[in-house]
Protein backbone atom coordinates (compact mmCIF):
# COMPACT_ATOMS: atom_id res chain seq x y z
CA MET A 1 -0.20 -0.21 -0.13
CA PRO A 2 1.52 3.24 -0.92
CA ARG A 3 2.54 5.32 1.84
CA LYS A 4 0.50 8.78 2.25
CA LYS A 5 2.74 11.94 1.55
CA ASP A 6 3.15 13.93 4.49
CA TYR A 7 3.28 17.78 2.99
CA HIS A 8 4.73 19.09 6.66
CA ARG A 9 8.27 17.19 5.89
CA THR A 10 8.42 18.52 2.26
CA LYS A 11 10.67 21.57 1.36
CA GLU A 12 7.63 23.30 -0.65
CA TYR A 13 5.47 23.16 2.14
CA VAL A 14 5.71 26.68 4.36
CA ASN A 15 3.94 26.82 7.41
CA PRO A 16 1.72 30.10 7.60
CA LEU A 17 1.97 30.92 11.13
CA LYS A 18 5.80 30.61 11.31
CA THR A 19 6.40 32.45 8.67
CA LYS A 20 4.45 35.59 10.21
CA LYS A 21 6.27 34.87 13.29
CA GLN A 22 9.53 35.26 11.68
CA LYS A 23 8.02 38.63 10.11
CA LYS A 24 6.85 39.98 13.43
CA LYS A 25 10.42 39.23 14.89
CA ARG A 26 12.20 40.95 12.15
CA LYS A 27 10.13 43.64 12.64
CA ARG A 28 10.93 43.81 16.17
CA LYS A 29 14.50 43.82 15.74
CA LEU A 30 14.13 46.60 13.14
CA ASN A 31 12.44 48.96 15.29
CA LYS A 32 14.74 47.97 18.22
CA ALA A 33 17.80 48.97 16.10
CA ILE A 34 15.99 52.37 15.48
CA TRP A 35 14.60 53.40 18.34
CA VAL A 36 17.27 52.63 21.19
CA PRO A 37 20.07 54.62 19.57
CA LEU A 38 17.45 57.41 18.93
CA MET A 39 16.34 57.62 22.38
CA VAL A 40 19.94 57.60 23.39
CA VAL A 41 20.86 60.52 21.11
CA ILE A 42 17.39 62.55 22.53
CA ILE A 43 18.82 62.14 26.39
CA ILE A 44 22.20 63.19 25.62
CA ALA A 45 20.43 66.02 23.53
CA ILE A 46 18.11 66.79 26.97
CA ILE A 47 21.01 66.63 29.06
CA CYS A 48 23.27 69.18 26.96
CA VAL A 49 20.53 71.43 26.65
CA ILE A 50 20.13 71.46 30.49
CA LEU A 51 23.93 71.66 31.08
CA VAL A 52 24.25 74.77 29.32
CA SER A 53 21.01 76.63 29.51
CA PRO A 54 21.11 79.77 31.48
CA ILE A 55 17.42 78.67 32.58
CA PHE A 56 19.27 76.48 35.46
CA ILE A 57 21.77 78.92 36.73
CA ILE A 58 21.26 79.92 39.90
CA ASN A 59 20.12 83.91 40.10
CA LYS A 60 17.98 83.87 43.33
CA VAL A 61 18.53 83.02 47.30
CA GLU A 62 15.27 83.00 48.75
CA VAL A 63 16.29 83.89 52.94
CA GLY A 64 14.16 82.95 55.63
CA SER A 65 12.53 85.16 58.03
CA ASN A 66 15.20 84.53 61.32
CA VAL A 67 18.27 84.58 58.97
CA ARG A 68 20.83 87.33 60.02
CA ALA A 69 22.29 89.59 57.12
CA ASP A 70 26.06 87.92 57.80
CA ILE A 71 24.82 84.67 57.10
CA ALA A 72 22.81 85.42 54.01
CA GLU A 73 25.72 87.45 52.72
CA LEU A 74 27.97 84.63 53.00
CA ILE A 75 25.95 82.25 50.93
CA TYR A 76 25.64 85.44 48.11
CA THR A 77 29.70 85.48 48.33
CA SER A 78 29.85 81.56 47.91
CA LEU A 79 27.71 81.90 44.86
CA GLU A 80 29.28 84.73 43.34
CA LYS A 81 32.75 83.23 43.56
CA SER A 82 31.10 79.84 42.18
CA LYS A 83 30.42 81.83 38.87
CA ASP A 84 34.21 81.99 37.98
CA GLN A 85 34.48 78.32 38.22
CA VAL A 86 33.73 76.03 35.44
CA ILE A 87 33.20 72.07 35.85
CA LEU A 88 34.49 69.82 32.67
CA GLY A 89 35.27 72.95 30.85
CA PHE A 90 31.94 74.50 30.42
CA ILE A 91 29.50 73.85 32.71
CA PRO A 92 29.63 76.59 35.54
CA ASN A 93 29.42 75.88 39.26
CA ASN A 94 26.52 78.09 40.25
CA HIS A 95 24.50 75.44 37.78
CA ILE A 96 21.51 74.23 39.94
CA PHE A 97 22.46 70.57 39.47
CA TRP A 98 26.09 71.18 40.77
CA PHE A 99 26.05 73.61 42.85
CA LYS A 100 27.73 71.83 46.26
CA VAL A 101 25.34 72.95 48.82
CA ASP A 102 27.25 71.23 51.78
CA GLU A 103 30.04 72.44 51.09
CA VAL A 104 28.86 75.99 51.28
CA VAL A 105 26.87 74.95 54.67
CA THR A 106 29.92 73.34 56.50
CA SER A 107 32.18 76.53 55.27
CA ILE A 108 30.05 78.40 57.93
CA GLU A 109 30.74 78.03 61.68
CA ASP A 110 28.11 80.47 64.16
CA PRO A 111 28.28 79.24 67.95
CA TYR A 112 24.19 80.80 67.56
CA ILE A 113 23.57 78.89 64.74
CA LYS A 114 22.25 75.06 65.53
CA GLU A 115 21.64 74.03 61.94
CA ILE A 116 21.94 75.70 58.08
CA ILE A 117 19.36 74.52 55.80
CA LEU A 118 20.49 75.42 52.16
CA THR A 119 17.65 73.52 49.89
CA LYS A 120 17.92 73.76 45.56
CA LYS A 121 14.65 74.55 43.91
CA ILE A 122 14.35 74.09 40.51
CA PRO A 123 14.79 75.97 37.98
CA ASN A 124 17.41 78.29 39.58
CA ILE A 125 16.74 79.14 43.13
CA LEU A 126 18.35 78.57 46.25
CA HIS A 127 16.37 78.37 49.84
CA LEU A 128 18.25 79.38 52.80
CA LYS A 129 16.47 78.66 56.40
CA ILE A 130 18.42 78.30 59.71
CA VAL A 131 17.68 76.97 63.21
CA GLU A 132 19.22 79.07 66.27
CA ARG A 133 20.84 78.25 69.36
CA LEU A 134 19.25 80.94 71.84
CA PRO A 135 21.04 81.71 75.01
CA GLN A 136 18.45 80.62 77.92
CA ALA A 137 20.36 80.99 80.68
CA VAL A 138 24.21 81.82 82.18
CA TYR A 139 26.27 79.62 83.71
CA LEU A 140 28.91 81.39 86.03
CA PHE A 141 32.14 79.34 87.37
CA GLU A 142 35.32 80.38 88.35
CA GLY A 143 34.61 84.13 87.27
CA SER A 144 34.04 83.13 84.18
CA GLN A 145 30.50 83.54 82.69
CA TYR A 146 29.02 81.20 79.34
CA PHE A 147 25.60 81.46 77.51
CA LEU A 148 23.74 78.14 77.75
CA ASP A 149 21.49 76.81 75.00
CA SER A 150 17.94 75.33 75.30
CA SER A 151 20.10 72.15 75.68
CA GLY A 152 22.67 72.59 78.62
CA LYS A 153 25.61 73.11 76.37
CA ILE A 154 27.79 76.73 76.23
CA ILE A 155 27.48 78.49 73.45
CA GLU A 156 30.34 81.27 73.95
CA PRO A 157 31.78 83.48 76.67
CA LEU A 158 29.19 85.62 77.93
CA ILE A 159 29.87 89.27 76.54
CA ASN A 160 27.31 91.74 78.53
CA LYS A 161 26.77 90.17 81.81
CA GLY A 162 23.19 88.64 82.01
CA VAL A 163 22.14 89.58 78.87
CA GLY A 164 21.01 87.47 75.93
CA LYS A 165 21.61 88.27 71.92
CA SER A 166 17.91 89.63 71.90
CA GLY A 167 18.61 91.67 75.26
CA ILE A 168 16.68 90.04 77.62
CA ILE A 169 17.77 89.28 81.14
CA LEU A 170 18.85 85.50 81.19
CA PRO A 171 18.57 83.16 84.85
CA HIS A 172 22.27 82.69 86.18
CA ILE A 173 23.01 78.94 86.81
CA ILE A 174 25.70 78.33 89.53
CA SER A 175 28.13 75.52 90.91
CA THR A 176 29.67 75.71 93.95
CA SER A 177 31.09 72.15 93.76
CA THR A 178 32.76 71.16 90.18
CA PRO A 179 32.61 72.26 86.68
CA ASP A 180 31.26 69.10 85.78
CA ILE A 181 28.13 70.54 86.72
CA LEU A 182 27.20 71.20 83.50
CA SER A 183 26.83 67.26 82.54
CA ASN A 184 23.95 67.45 85.06
CA ILE A 185 22.26 70.19 82.92
CA ASN A 186 19.79 68.80 80.17
CA GLU A 187 17.67 70.22 78.54
CA GLN A 188 14.37 69.63 80.76
CA LYS A 189 16.43 71.27 83.85
CA VAL A 190 16.90 74.47 81.63
CA LYS A 191 13.34 74.46 80.28
CA PHE A 192 12.24 74.68 83.98
CA ILE A 193 14.70 77.30 85.24
CA LYS A 194 13.77 79.66 82.08
CA PHE A 195 10.27 79.31 82.64
CA PHE A 196 10.29 79.48 86.60
CA TYR A 197 12.74 82.50 85.95
CA ASP A 198 10.22 84.35 83.16
CA GLU A 199 6.86 83.69 84.92
CA PHE A 200 7.78 84.47 88.77
CA PRO A 201 7.29 87.94 88.61
CA ARG A 202 3.57 87.04 87.77
CA TYR A 203 3.61 85.53 91.36
CA LEU A 204 5.57 87.61 93.64
CA LYS A 205 6.08 90.48 92.02
CA ASP A 206 8.65 92.49 94.56
CA ILE A 207 10.91 90.06 94.64
CA ASN A 208 13.92 89.02 92.14
CA LEU A 209 15.77 86.04 91.43
CA LEU A 210 19.18 86.04 91.39
CA THR A 211 20.87 82.84 90.78
CA PHE A 212 20.01 78.97 90.69
CA GLU A 213 22.78 76.75 92.28
CA MET A 214 22.55 73.33 90.57
CA ARG A 215 23.58 70.31 92.59
CA GLN A 216 25.57 67.16 91.06
CA GLY A 217 23.58 64.33 90.40
CA SER A 218 20.01 65.67 91.50
CA SER A 219 17.41 67.22 90.31
CA ASP A 220 16.81 69.96 92.89
CA ALA A 221 17.91 73.65 92.42
CA LYS A 222 18.44 76.31 95.10
CA ILE A 223 17.56 79.74 94.14
CA LEU A 224 19.11 82.93 95.81
CA THR A 225 16.11 85.77 95.75
CA SER A 226 17.22 89.61 95.96
CA ALA A 227 15.72 89.45 99.47
CA LEU A 228 18.64 86.87 100.58
CA TRP A 229 16.51 83.92 101.46
CA TYR A 230 16.19 80.84 99.09
CA ILE A 231 13.56 78.92 97.55
CA GLN A 232 14.23 75.15 97.10
CA VAL A 233 12.66 73.59 93.56
CA ASP A 234 12.55 70.26 91.99
CA THR A 235 13.41 71.03 88.49
CA LEU A 236 11.71 67.66 87.57
CA GLY A 237 8.52 68.58 89.06
CA ASP A 238 5.92 70.52 87.52
CA THR A 239 6.70 74.08 87.66
CA ARG A 240 3.44 75.93 87.78
CA VAL A 241 2.38 73.80 91.09
CA GLN A 242 5.58 75.10 92.61
CA LEU A 243 5.28 78.53 92.00
CA SER A 244 1.83 78.57 93.27
CA ASN A 245 2.55 77.00 96.13
CA LEU A 246 5.42 79.31 96.66
CA LYS A 247 2.95 82.65 96.22
CA ARG A 248 0.17 80.82 98.92
CA THR A 249 3.01 79.96 101.39
CA TYR A 250 4.86 83.13 101.40
CA LEU A 251 1.61 85.67 101.02
CA GLU A 252 -0.71 83.39 103.26
CA LYS A 253 1.29 81.55 105.76
CA ILE A 254 4.09 83.30 106.52
CA THR A 255 4.03 86.42 108.86
CA THR A 256 5.72 89.77 108.62
CA GLN A 257 7.86 89.17 111.45
CA GLU A 258 8.68 85.48 110.00
CA LYS A 259 9.64 87.12 106.59
CA ASN A 260 12.43 89.62 108.14
CA ASN A 261 13.82 86.31 108.99
CA LEU A 262 13.15 84.01 106.80
CA GLU A 263 16.13 81.68 105.27
CA TYR A 264 14.34 79.22 102.88
CA ILE A 265 10.72 77.86 101.45
CA ASP A 266 11.00 74.40 99.99
CA VAL A 267 8.36 73.80 97.31
CA ARG A 268 9.90 70.35 96.03
CA ILE A 269 6.69 68.11 97.80
CA PRO A 270 3.44 69.71 96.03
CA SER A 271 1.68 68.34 99.01
CA PHE A 272 3.57 69.73 101.62
CA VAL A 273 5.60 73.26 101.91
CA TYR A 274 8.35 73.44 104.48
CA TYR A 275 9.60 76.94 104.93
CA LYS A 276 11.99 78.05 107.76
């Protein structure tokens, strides 16, 4: 019996589905060969335009409301110097994408500045903002006086006695034991002292606070008043409660004769106030 001819195995037969797939494959290769180089050329062209376009040359510095004029001037000076410098032989150093913000920020040193924030705003603007270290108290030790910031760290030696850069009178902190007392002063204690000092005139108007004596390893503070008696406070306690107890004790419980011989009022314990 004659064998049936297998058309799939003959050279004359061409599978139409296979031919169609081959055409699509060739077309994809052709498209890829055209579009890939074209996209590379377009990307390079865009980068070149960005690098040489004057639109991206920094021409403005936005300054925050609390930025001092001398700090802003340093930024302007750095920007002016960068105009005369080029990168790769043709890119200005004051280009928004090439200007080195970190180098400018680290070059500025000022004890009253905690942080300088210099950011870029596309296409050609720098924005300057600073976080200040404002004096919150004055630390006295062995005849020297220093400004302290809100965290209890020294800012710099004191220039005008008891007066911060804003002209505000500041509380004085003293230590009669060791200069290491600064290691015992933290943000919470400075906040307590500053608040107590600022609020005190609202409670006792005819008396001023002279010094806050801190004790090593303790949250207690001994406050000398202008009447030469002391207030014992707990810097970890509630400030308003201690001030209220102080006012009530001094005005309502202590007689005029006792006030003349008063040594101290202890308001560290909220439920019971001692005085002598």
